[in-house]
Amino acid sequence: MVAAKAVVNGAVSIVNAIATGKGAALGISLKVEATVDVKPGSGIIFKNQTLNQRRFINKVVEKAVPKKYLKKSKIQVSLKSEMPTGYGLKSSSAISSAISLACAKIFKPRINDFQVISNSVDASKEAGVSITGALDDACACYFGGFVVTDNYKKKIIKTERAPTNLAAVIFIPKSQKRGNIRKLKTLSKIFDEAWHLAKNSDYWNSMTLNGIATSAILNSDPVTLAKLIENGALGASVSGNGPAIAAVVKKKHVKNVRNAFSNLEGKILVSNINNTKAEVHEV
């Protein structure tokens, strides 16, 4: 039996890509571990029995493993995640990238980083997990730091290390309800402006503009974003398609920003910013 374990971190949104196909994200230190075990036989076994993830996991493995090996290998996938799923913290991108990377370690050890990510992105799109493929999210999870992308062109526009004195304060609402994400396109000009700000390294104004626009569509409260900025957040936004809200802050202001969330029903996570690339090793 051969096995590999990959560790990929999460991310928060700077610019949501659904409206224009162009996005930006920032890596955080919350992580996903994917272990892939391979032995002779056939079939894909997902150890963490979550029915709504099975098709997605199968698609990632099918993209990452050459067909000639897929037919004669019994592949078992197990996951550990520090991120809640379905809240906009890029858990799907982290999961698919980690599985893709672990499979690559076993079956394609010379594959380059972008091809690992590309397999993850294609699987996410084909499984219906992401509308654009979420290249921005996958790259921020995989490489860390700031990433600006054109998802439809499958192109990384810019990467940049983030300052190490920052943290992300993330509010996870009790309710997982979110608005109609396809309506984000009605504000495409605003999202395009936010993307250009990110492209020019004006990340905090970009993030907050994105937050105001997403709040207007996804039933979040823009007053909360204003309160976060008032209490020291550099930038604040609905993360992904929500309903989580993320504020990036200098570490000395974490307490104040936490307090700004205190009257809302849900839980608060604090994560360091991540600049470290994904890791993989045989186990």
C-alpha atoms as a PDB file:
ATOM      1  CA  MET A   1       0.000   0.000   0.000  1.00  0.00           C
ATOM      2  CA  VAL A   2       1.130   3.556  -0.796  1.00  0.00           C
ATOM      3  CA  ALA A   3      -0.169   6.627   1.028  1.00  0.00           C
ATOM      4  CA  ALA A   4       0.357  10.395   0.955  1.00  0.00           C
ATOM      5  CA  LYS A   5      -0.850  13.223   3.166  1.00  0.00           C
ATOM      6  CA  ALA A   6      -1.313  16.803   1.917  1.00  0.00           C
ATOM      7  CA  VAL A   7      -1.941  19.917   4.008  1.00  0.00           C
ATOM      8  CA  VAL A   8      -3.627  22.914   2.385  1.00  0.00           C
ATOM      9  CA  ASN A   9      -4.792  26.062   4.166  1.00  0.00           C
ATOM     10  CA  GLY A  10      -8.019  28.007   3.823  1.00  0.00           C
ATOM     11  CA  ALA A  11      -8.627  31.561   2.631  1.00  0.00           C
ATOM     12  CA  VAL A  12     -11.007  34.500   2.848  1.00  0.00           C
ATOM     13  CA  SER A  13     -12.380  36.610   0.029  1.00  0.00           C
ATOM     14  CA  ILE A  14     -10.971  39.878  -1.153  1.00  0.00           C
ATOM     15  CA  VAL A  15     -13.158  39.925  -4.313  1.00  0.00           C
ATOM     16  CA  ASN A  16     -15.955  37.482  -5.143  1.00  0.00           C
ATOM     17  CA  ALA A  17     -15.449  36.158  -8.695  1.00  0.00           C
ATOM     18  CA  ILE A  18     -19.021  35.157  -9.547  1.00  0.00           C
ATOM     19  CA  ALA A  19     -20.053  38.531 -10.992  1.00  0.00           C
ATOM     20  CA  THR A  20     -17.171  38.975 -13.442  1.00  0.00           C
ATOM     21  CA  GLY A  21     -15.120  35.765 -13.427  1.00  0.00           C
ATOM     22  CA  LYS A  22     -12.280  37.701 -11.786  1.00  0.00           C
ATOM     23  CA  GLY A  23     -11.475  37.304  -8.108  1.00  0.00           C
ATOM     24  CA  ALA A  24      -8.985  37.782  -5.305  1.00  0.00           C
ATOM     25  CA  ALA A  25      -8.413  36.033  -1.983  1.00  0.00           C
ATOM     26  CA  LEU A  26      -6.082  35.917   1.012  1.00  0.00           C
ATOM     27  CA  GLY A  27      -4.684  32.776   2.658  1.00  0.00           C
ATOM     28  CA  ILE A  28      -5.400  32.025   6.320  1.00  0.00           C
ATOM     29  CA  SER A  29      -3.877  29.435   8.636  1.00  0.00           C
ATOM     30  CA  LEU A  30      -6.930  27.215   9.218  1.00  0.00           C
ATOM     31  CA  LYS A  31      -6.115  24.010   7.363  1.00  0.00           C
ATOM     32  CA  VAL A  32      -7.341  20.844   5.688  1.00  0.00           C
ATOM     33  CA  GLU A  33      -5.459  17.516   5.748  1.00  0.00           C
ATOM     34  CA  ALA A  34      -6.177  14.954   3.032  1.00  0.00           C
ATOM     35  CA  THR A  35      -4.753  11.434   3.234  1.00  0.00           C
ATOM     36  CA  VAL A  36      -4.913   9.222   0.160  1.00  0.00           C
ATOM     37  CA  ASP A  37      -4.241   5.472   0.550  1.00  0.00           C
ATOM     38  CA  VAL A  38      -3.772   3.331  -2.553  1.00  0.00           C
ATOM     39  CA  LYS A  39      -3.719  -0.451  -2.858  1.00  0.00           C
ATOM     40  CA  PRO A  40      -4.458  -2.934  -5.652  1.00  0.00           C
ATOM     41  CA  GLY A  41      -8.125  -3.210  -6.615  1.00  0.00           C
ATOM     42  CA  SER A  42     -10.648  -0.707  -7.926  1.00  0.00           C
ATOM     43  CA  GLY A  43     -12.977   2.006  -6.686  1.00  0.00           C
ATOM     44  CA  ILE A  44     -12.835   5.264  -4.735  1.00  0.00           C
ATOM     45  CA  ILE A  45     -13.675   5.124  -1.034  1.00  0.00           C
ATOM     46  CA  PHE A  46     -14.436   8.317   0.852  1.00  0.00           C
ATOM     47  CA  LYS A  47     -13.843   7.595   4.529  1.00  0.00           C
ATOM     48  CA  ASN A  48     -15.667  10.701   5.790  1.00  0.00           C
ATOM     49  CA  GLN A  49     -19.178   9.632   4.821  1.00  0.00           C
ATOM     50  CA  THR A  50     -20.771  12.904   3.722  1.00  0.00           C
ATOM     51  CA  LEU A  51     -23.198  12.177   0.937  1.00  0.00           C
ATOM     52  CA  ASN A  52     -23.169  15.644  -0.644  1.00  0.00           C
ATOM     53  CA  GLN A  53     -19.353  15.541  -0.953  1.00  0.00           C
ATOM     54  CA  ARG A  54     -19.042  12.084  -2.530  1.00  0.00           C
ATOM     55  CA  ARG A  55     -19.542  13.171  -6.162  1.00  0.00           C
ATOM     56  CA  PHE A  56     -17.134  16.081  -5.654  1.00  0.00           C
ATOM     57  CA  ILE A  57     -14.409  13.890  -4.096  1.00  0.00           C
ATOM     58  CA  ASN A  58     -14.784  11.289  -6.843  1.00  0.00           C
ATOM     59  CA  LYS A  59     -14.411  13.986  -9.494  1.00  0.00           C
ATOM     60  CA  VAL A  60     -11.212  15.336  -7.887  1.00  0.00           C
ATOM     61  CA  VAL A  61      -9.658  11.851  -7.776  1.00  0.00           C
ATOM     62  CA  GLU A  62     -10.693  11.152 -11.383  1.00  0.00           C
ATOM     63  CA  LYS A  63      -9.012  14.386 -12.504  1.00  0.00           C
ATOM     64  CA  ALA A  64      -5.863  13.834 -10.437  1.00  0.00           C
ATOM     65  CA  VAL A  65      -5.182  10.149 -11.151  1.00  0.00           C
ATOM     66  CA  PRO A  66      -4.266   8.935 -14.681  1.00  0.00           C
ATOM     67  CA  LYS A  67      -6.898   6.567 -16.097  1.00  0.00           C
ATOM     68  CA  LYS A  68      -4.452   3.686 -16.436  1.00  0.00           C
ATOM     69  CA  TYR A  69      -3.907   3.745 -12.653  1.00  0.00           C
ATOM     70  CA  LEU A  70      -7.516   4.551 -11.777  1.00  0.00           C
ATOM     71  CA  LYS A  71      -8.705   1.236 -13.239  1.00  0.00           C
ATOM     72  CA  LYS A  72      -6.376  -0.894 -11.133  1.00  0.00           C
ATOM     73  CA  SER A  73      -6.245   1.037  -7.854  1.00  0.00           C
ATOM     74  CA  LYS A  74      -8.441   1.071  -4.783  1.00  0.00           C
ATOM     75  CA  ILE A  75      -8.170   4.659  -3.582  1.00  0.00           C
ATOM     76  CA  GLN A  76      -9.269   5.674  -0.089  1.00  0.00           C
ATOM     77  CA  VAL A  77      -9.596   9.362   0.802  1.00  0.00           C
ATOM     78  CA  SER A  78      -9.867  10.684   4.359  1.00  0.00           C
ATOM     79  CA  LEU A  79     -10.127  14.306   5.441  1.00  0.00           C
ATOM     80  CA  LYS A  80      -9.572  16.432   8.529  1.00  0.00           C
ATOM     81  CA  SER A  81     -10.635  20.074   8.403  1.00  0.00           C
ATOM     82  CA  GLU A  82     -10.375  23.011  10.799  1.00  0.00           C
ATOM     83  CA  MET A  83     -12.882  24.943   8.659  1.00  0.00           C
ATOM     84  CA  PRO A  84     -16.653  24.661   8.779  1.00  0.00           C
ATOM     85  CA  THR A  85     -18.008  23.788   5.328  1.00  0.00           C
ATOM     86  CA  GLY A  86     -20.590  25.845   3.482  1.00  0.00           C
ATOM     87  CA  TYR A  87     -19.761  29.225   5.022  1.00  0.00           C
ATOM     88  CA  GLY A  88     -17.478  30.812   2.401  1.00  0.00           C
ATOM     89  CA  LEU A  89     -14.097  29.952   3.937  1.00  0.00           C
ATOM     90  CA  LYS A  90     -12.875  28.121   0.815  1.00  0.00           C
ATOM     91  CA  SER A  91     -13.075  24.669   2.374  1.00  0.00           C
ATOM     92  CA  SER A  92     -14.056  23.113  -0.973  1.00  0.00           C
ATOM     93  CA  SER A  93     -11.023  24.637  -2.701  1.00  0.00           C
ATOM     94  CA  ALA A  94      -8.749  23.527   0.138  1.00  0.00           C
ATOM     95  CA  ILE A  95     -10.210  19.997   0.115  1.00  0.00           C
ATOM     96  CA  SER A  96      -9.967  19.561  -3.662  1.00  0.00           C
ATOM     97  CA  SER A  97      -6.432  20.988  -3.769  1.00  0.00           C
ATOM     98  CA  ALA A  98      -5.290  18.749  -0.899  1.00  0.00           C
ATOM     99  CA  ILE A  99      -6.697  15.606  -2.533  1.00  0.00           C
ATOM    100  CA  SER A 100      -5.240  16.608  -5.900  1.00  0.00           C
ATOM    101  CA  LEU A 101      -1.825  17.198  -4.302  1.00  0.00           C
ATOM    102  CA  ALA A 102      -1.848  13.891  -2.368  1.00  0.00           C
ATOM    103  CA  CYS A 103      -2.816  11.986  -5.531  1.00  0.00           C
ATOM    104  CA  ALA A 104      -0.078  13.773  -7.472  1.00  0.00           C
ATOM    105  CA  LYS A 105       2.522  12.732  -4.894  1.00  0.00           C
ATOM    106  CA  ILE A 106       1.632   9.091  -5.519  1.00  0.00           C
ATOM    107  CA  PHE A 107       0.831   9.010  -9.235  1.00  0.00           C
ATOM    108  CA  LYS A 108       2.472  12.103 -10.809  1.00  0.00           C
ATOM    109  CA  PRO A 109       5.429  13.161  -8.613  1.00  0.00           C
ATOM    110  CA  ARG A 110       6.833  15.522 -11.280  1.00  0.00           C
ATOM    111  CA  ILE A 111       3.609  17.455 -11.854  1.00  0.00           C
ATOM    112  CA  ASN A 112       3.879  21.221 -11.331  1.00  0.00           C
ATOM    113  CA  ASP A 113       1.902  23.255  -8.791  1.00  0.00           C
ATOM    114  CA  PHE A 114      -0.374  24.905 -11.335  1.00  0.00           C
ATOM    115  CA  GLN A 115      -1.429  21.565 -12.803  1.00  0.00           C
ATOM    116  CA  VAL A 116      -2.300  20.310  -9.307  1.00  0.00           C
ATOM    117  CA  ILE A 117      -4.463  23.411  -8.831  1.00  0.00           C
ATOM    118  CA  SER A 118      -5.899  23.106 -12.350  1.00  0.00           C
ATOM    119  CA  ASN A 119      -7.133  19.570 -11.613  1.00  0.00           C
ATOM    120  CA  SER A 120      -8.751  20.883  -8.427  1.00  0.00           C
ATOM    121  CA  VAL A 121     -10.416  23.792 -10.241  1.00  0.00           C
ATOM    122  CA  ASP A 122     -11.735  21.618 -13.088  1.00  0.00           C
ATOM    123  CA  ALA A 123     -13.184  19.105 -10.630  1.00  0.00           C
ATOM    124  CA  SER A 124     -14.893  21.867  -8.619  1.00  0.00           C
ATOM    125  CA  LYS A 125     -16.502  23.271 -11.750  1.00  0.00           C
ATOM    126  CA  GLU A 126     -17.596  19.918 -13.177  1.00  0.00           C
ATOM    127  CA  ALA A 127     -19.049  18.763  -9.853  1.00  0.00           C
ATOM    128  CA  GLY A 128     -21.071  21.984  -9.584  1.00  0.00           C
ATOM    129  CA  VAL A 129     -19.290  23.052  -6.400  1.00  0.00           C
ATOM    130  CA  SER A 130     -18.133  26.309  -8.005  1.00  0.00           C
ATOM    131  CA  ILE A 131     -19.536  28.433 -10.846  1.00  0.00           C
ATOM    132  CA  THR A 132     -16.146  29.828 -11.973  1.00  0.00           C
ATOM    133  CA  GLY A 133     -13.892  26.993 -10.774  1.00  0.00           C
ATOM    134  CA  ALA A 134     -12.650  29.292  -7.977  1.00  0.00           C
ATOM    135  CA  LEU A 135      -9.065  29.617  -9.172  1.00  0.00           C
ATOM    136  CA  ASP A 136      -8.645  32.615  -6.855  1.00  0.00           C
ATOM    137  CA  ASP A 137      -9.645  30.561  -3.827  1.00  0.00           C
ATOM    138  CA  ALA A 138      -7.627  27.496  -4.843  1.00  0.00           C
ATOM    139  CA  CYS A 139      -4.460  29.568  -5.386  1.00  0.00           C
ATOM    140  CA  ALA A 140      -4.833  31.481  -2.104  1.00  0.00           C
ATOM    141  CA  CYS A 141      -5.308  28.157  -0.286  1.00  0.00           C
ATOM    142  CA  TYR A 142      -2.381  26.517  -2.073  1.00  0.00           C
ATOM    143  CA  PHE A 143       0.193  29.324  -2.150  1.00  0.00           C
ATOM    144  CA  GLY A 144      -0.956  31.552   0.714  1.00  0.00           C
ATOM    145  CA  GLY A 145      -0.739  35.343   0.689  1.00  0.00           C
ATOM    146  CA  PHE A 146      -2.739  37.576  -1.638  1.00  0.00           C
ATOM    147  CA  VAL A 147      -3.786  36.149  -4.998  1.00  0.00           C
ATOM    148  CA  VAL A 148      -5.553  37.973  -7.845  1.00  0.00           C
ATOM    149  CA  THR A 149      -6.856  35.858 -10.743  1.00  0.00           C
ATOM    150  CA  ASP A 150      -8.904  35.739 -13.911  1.00  0.00           C
ATOM    151  CA  ASN A 151     -10.819  32.533 -13.320  1.00  0.00           C
ATOM    152  CA  TYR A 152     -12.352  32.122 -16.763  1.00  0.00           C
ATOM    153  CA  LYS A 153      -8.980  32.573 -18.455  1.00  0.00           C
ATOM    154  CA  LYS A 154      -7.465  30.325 -15.765  1.00  0.00           C
ATOM    155  CA  LYS A 155      -4.742  32.881 -15.201  1.00  0.00           C
ATOM    156  CA  ILE A 156      -2.958  34.110 -12.074  1.00  0.00           C
ATOM    157  CA  ILE A 157      -2.671  37.882 -12.421  1.00  0.00           C
ATOM    158  CA  LYS A 158      -0.766  38.618  -9.235  1.00  0.00           C
ATOM    159  CA  THR A 159       0.547  37.021  -6.048  1.00  0.00           C
ATOM    160  CA  GLU A 160       1.949  38.874  -3.054  1.00  0.00           C
ATOM    161  CA  ARG A 161       3.010  37.925   0.459  1.00  0.00           C
ATOM    162  CA  ALA A 162       0.833  39.359   3.198  1.00  0.00           C
ATOM    163  CA  PRO A 163       2.209  41.160   6.261  1.00  0.00           C
ATOM    164  CA  THR A 164       2.759  38.749   9.146  1.00  0.00           C
ATOM    165  CA  ASN A 165       1.327  41.054  11.814  1.00  0.00           C
ATOM    166  CA  LEU A 166      -2.229  40.428  10.606  1.00  0.00           C
ATOM    167  CA  ALA A 167      -5.033  38.108  11.656  1.00  0.00           C
ATOM    168  CA  ALA A 168      -8.441  37.258  10.236  1.00  0.00           C
ATOM    169  CA  VAL A 169     -11.370  37.502  12.635  1.00  0.00           C
ATOM    170  CA  ILE A 170     -14.184  35.397  11.187  1.00  0.00           C
ATOM    171  CA  PHE A 171     -17.803  35.348  12.280  1.00  0.00           C
ATOM    172  CA  ILE A 172     -19.736  32.116  11.594  1.00  0.00           C
ATOM    173  CA  PRO A 173     -23.485  32.852  11.860  1.00  0.00           C
ATOM    174  CA  LYS A 174     -25.754  30.297  13.512  1.00  0.00           C
ATOM    175  CA  SER A 175     -27.870  30.235  10.358  1.00  0.00           C
ATOM    176  CA  GLN A 176     -26.297  28.948   7.141  1.00  0.00           C
ATOM    177  CA  LYS A 177     -28.844  30.805   5.028  1.00  0.00           C
ATOM    178  CA  ARG A 178     -27.544  32.936   2.157  1.00  0.00           C
ATOM    179  CA  GLY A 179     -29.054  34.931  -0.704  1.00  0.00           C
ATOM    180  CA  ASN A 180     -29.201  34.165  -4.432  1.00  0.00           C
ATOM    181  CA  ILE A 181     -25.556  34.207  -5.511  1.00  0.00           C
ATOM    182  CA  ARG A 182     -26.406  34.536  -9.223  1.00  0.00           C
ATOM    183  CA  LYS A 183     -27.809  38.001  -8.512  1.00  0.00           C
ATOM    184  CA  LEU A 184     -24.255  39.162  -7.724  1.00  0.00           C
ATOM    185  CA  LYS A 185     -23.921  39.786 -11.477  1.00  0.00           C
ATOM    186  CA  THR A 186     -26.331  42.723 -11.180  1.00  0.00           C
ATOM    187  CA  LEU A 187     -23.493  44.614  -9.459  1.00  0.00           C
ATOM    188  CA  SER A 188     -20.760  43.454 -11.843  1.00  0.00           C
ATOM    189  CA  LYS A 189     -19.370  46.982 -12.350  1.00  0.00           C
ATOM    190  CA  ILE A 190     -18.790  47.344  -8.610  1.00  0.00           C
ATOM    191  CA  PHE A 191     -17.094  43.943  -8.391  1.00  0.00           C
ATOM    192  CA  ASP A 192     -14.952  44.884 -11.378  1.00  0.00           C
ATOM    193  CA  GLU A 193     -13.883  48.061  -9.582  1.00  0.00           C
ATOM    194  CA  ALA A 194     -13.069  46.041  -6.457  1.00  0.00           C
ATOM    195  CA  TRP A 195     -10.988  43.629  -8.559  1.00  0.00           C
ATOM    196  CA  HIS A 196      -8.980  46.478 -10.103  1.00  0.00           C
ATOM    197  CA  LEU A 197      -8.273  47.833  -6.627  1.00  0.00           C
ATOM    198  CA  ALA A 198      -6.914  44.406  -5.640  1.00  0.00           C
ATOM    199  CA  LYS A 199      -4.880  44.216  -8.831  1.00  0.00           C
ATOM    200  CA  ASN A 200      -3.234  47.491  -7.740  1.00  0.00           C
ATOM    201  CA  SER A 201      -2.548  46.085  -4.226  1.00  0.00           C
ATOM    202  CA  ASP A 202      -5.255  48.242  -2.605  1.00  0.00           C
ATOM    203  CA  TYR A 203      -6.519  45.125  -0.871  1.00  0.00           C
ATOM    204  CA  TRP A 204      -8.401  46.628   2.060  1.00  0.00           C
ATOM    205  CA  ASN A 205     -10.528  49.046   0.063  1.00  0.00           C
ATOM    206  CA  SER A 206     -11.069  46.231  -2.422  1.00  0.00           C
ATOM    207  CA  MET A 207     -12.214  43.842   0.308  1.00  0.00           C
ATOM    208  CA  THR A 208     -14.563  46.357   1.911  1.00  0.00           C
ATOM    209  CA  LEU A 209     -16.101  47.394  -1.418  1.00  0.00           C
ATOM    210  CA  ASN A 210     -16.638  43.709  -2.154  1.00  0.00           C
ATOM    211  CA  GLY A 211     -18.232  43.355   1.273  1.00  0.00           C
ATOM    212  CA  ILE A 212     -20.698  46.188   0.691  1.00  0.00           C
ATOM    213  CA  ALA A 213     -21.689  44.760  -2.702  1.00  0.00           C
ATOM    214  CA  THR A 214     -22.070  41.171  -1.482  1.00  0.00           C
ATOM    215  CA  SER A 215     -24.009  42.309   1.600  1.00  0.00           C
ATOM    216  CA  ALA A 216     -26.523  44.072  -0.626  1.00  0.00           C
ATOM    217  CA  ILE A 217     -27.247  40.830  -2.512  1.00  0.00           C
ATOM    218  CA  LEU A 218     -26.649  38.047   0.017  1.00  0.00           C
ATOM    219  CA  ASN A 219     -28.808  39.331   2.887  1.00  0.00           C
ATOM    220  CA  SER A 220     -25.929  40.297   5.160  1.00  0.00           C
ATOM    221  CA  ASP A 221     -25.929  43.534   7.155  1.00  0.00           C
ATOM    222  CA  PRO A 222     -23.566  46.222   5.771  1.00  0.00           C
ATOM    223  CA  VAL A 223     -23.818  48.042   9.130  1.00  0.00           C
ATOM    224  CA  THR A 224     -21.763  45.190  10.611  1.00  0.00           C
ATOM    225  CA  LEU A 225     -18.972  45.885   8.098  1.00  0.00           C
ATOM    226  CA  ALA A 226     -18.922  49.571   9.037  1.00  0.00           C
ATOM    227  CA  LYS A 227     -18.724  48.623  12.710  1.00  0.00           C
ATOM    228  CA  LEU A 228     -15.761  46.316  12.026  1.00  0.00           C
ATOM    229  CA  ILE A 229     -13.854  49.083  10.212  1.00  0.00           C
ATOM    230  CA  GLU A 230     -14.685  51.492  13.013  1.00  0.00           C
ATOM    231  CA  ASN A 231     -13.157  49.022  15.504  1.00  0.00           C
ATOM    232  CA  GLY A 232      -9.862  48.635  13.672  1.00  0.00           C
ATOM    233  CA  ALA A 233     -10.416  46.215  10.766  1.00  0.00           C
ATOM    234  CA  LEU A 234      -8.295  47.074   7.715  1.00  0.00           C
ATOM    235  CA  GLY A 235     -10.825  45.392   5.435  1.00  0.00           C
ATOM    236  CA  ALA A 236     -14.054  43.487   6.007  1.00  0.00           C
ATOM    237  CA  SER A 237     -16.342  41.456   3.790  1.00  0.00           C
ATOM    238  CA  VAL A 238     -18.748  38.611   3.411  1.00  0.00           C
ATOM    239  CA  SER A 239     -16.338  35.771   2.608  1.00  0.00           C
ATOM    240  CA  GLY A 240     -17.083  33.884  -0.586  1.00  0.00           C
ATOM    241  CA  ASN A 241     -20.845  33.490  -0.929  1.00  0.00           C
ATOM    242  CA  GLY A 242     -21.263  33.750   2.827  1.00  0.00           C
ATOM    243  CA  PRO A 243     -22.698  33.708   5.263  1.00  0.00           C
ATOM    244  CA  ALA A 244     -19.365  34.027   7.130  1.00  0.00           C
ATOM    245  CA  ILE A 245     -18.009  37.536   7.579  1.00  0.00           C
ATOM    246  CA  ALA A 246     -14.238  38.057   7.673  1.00  0.00           C
ATOM    247  CA  ALA A 247     -12.314  41.055   8.939  1.00  0.00           C
ATOM    248  CA  VAL A 248      -8.557  41.391   8.465  1.00  0.00           C
ATOM    249  CA  VAL A 249      -6.931  43.271  11.308  1.00  0.00           C
ATOM    250  CA  LYS A 250      -3.596  44.033  12.888  1.00  0.00           C
ATOM    251  CA  LYS A 251      -3.162  41.578  15.751  1.00  0.00           C
ATOM    252  CA  LYS A 252      -3.233  44.339  18.354  1.00  0.00           C
ATOM    253  CA  HIS A 253      -6.836  45.155  17.315  1.00  0.00           C
ATOM    254  CA  VAL A 254      -8.197  41.577  17.357  1.00  0.00           C
ATOM    255  CA  LYS A 255     -10.023  42.043  20.670  1.00  0.00           C
ATOM    256  CA  ASN A 256     -11.835  45.187  19.489  1.00  0.00           C
ATOM    257  CA  VAL A 257     -12.947  43.522  16.256  1.00  0.00           C
ATOM    258  CA  ARG A 258     -14.101  40.410  18.126  1.00  0.00           C
ATOM    259  CA  ASN A 259     -16.214  42.665  20.325  1.00  0.00           C
ATOM    260  CA  ALA A 260     -17.819  44.189  17.220  1.00  0.00           C
ATOM    261  CA  PHE A 261     -19.303  40.757  16.477  1.00  0.00           C
ATOM    262  CA  SER A 262     -20.383  40.102  20.058  1.00  0.00           C
ATOM    263  CA  ASN A 263     -24.070  41.004  19.669  1.00  0.00           C
ATOM    264  CA  LEU A 264     -24.553  38.589  16.729  1.00  0.00           C
ATOM    265  CA  GLU A 265     -25.690  34.980  17.092  1.00  0.00           C
ATOM    266  CA  GLY A 266     -22.926  32.605  16.046  1.00  0.00           C
ATOM    267  CA  LYS A 267     -19.280  31.843  16.790  1.00  0.00           C
ATOM    268  CA  ILE A 268     -16.019  33.659  16.171  1.00  0.00           C
ATOM    269  CA  LEU A 269     -12.794  32.169  14.811  1.00  0.00           C
ATOM    270  CA  VAL A 270      -9.436  33.951  14.815  1.00  0.00           C
ATOM    271  CA  SER A 271      -6.803  32.802  12.345  1.00  0.00           C
ATOM    272  CA  ASN A 272      -3.357  34.029  11.424  1.00  0.00           C
ATOM    273  CA  ILE A 273      -2.722  35.009   7.821  1.00  0.00           C
ATOM    274  CA  ASN A 274      -0.920  32.304   5.872  1.00  0.00           C
ATOM    275  CA  ASN A 275       1.965  32.789   3.424  1.00  0.00           C
ATOM    276  CA  THR A 276       3.094  29.130   3.357  1.00  0.00           C
ATOM    277  CA  LYS A 277       2.656  26.897   0.335  1.00  0.00           C
ATOM    278  CA  ALA A 278       0.769  23.596   0.567  1.00  0.00           C
ATOM    279  CA  GLU A 279       2.789  20.602   1.752  1.00  0.00           C
ATOM    280  CA  VAL A 280       2.703  16.893   0.905  1.00  0.00           C
ATOM    281  CA  HIS A 281       4.632  13.825   2.026  1.00  0.00           C
ATOM    282  CA  GLU A 282       4.369  10.054   1.909  1.00  0.00           C
ATOM    283  CA  VAL A 283       3.069   8.356   5.051  1.00  0.00           C
END
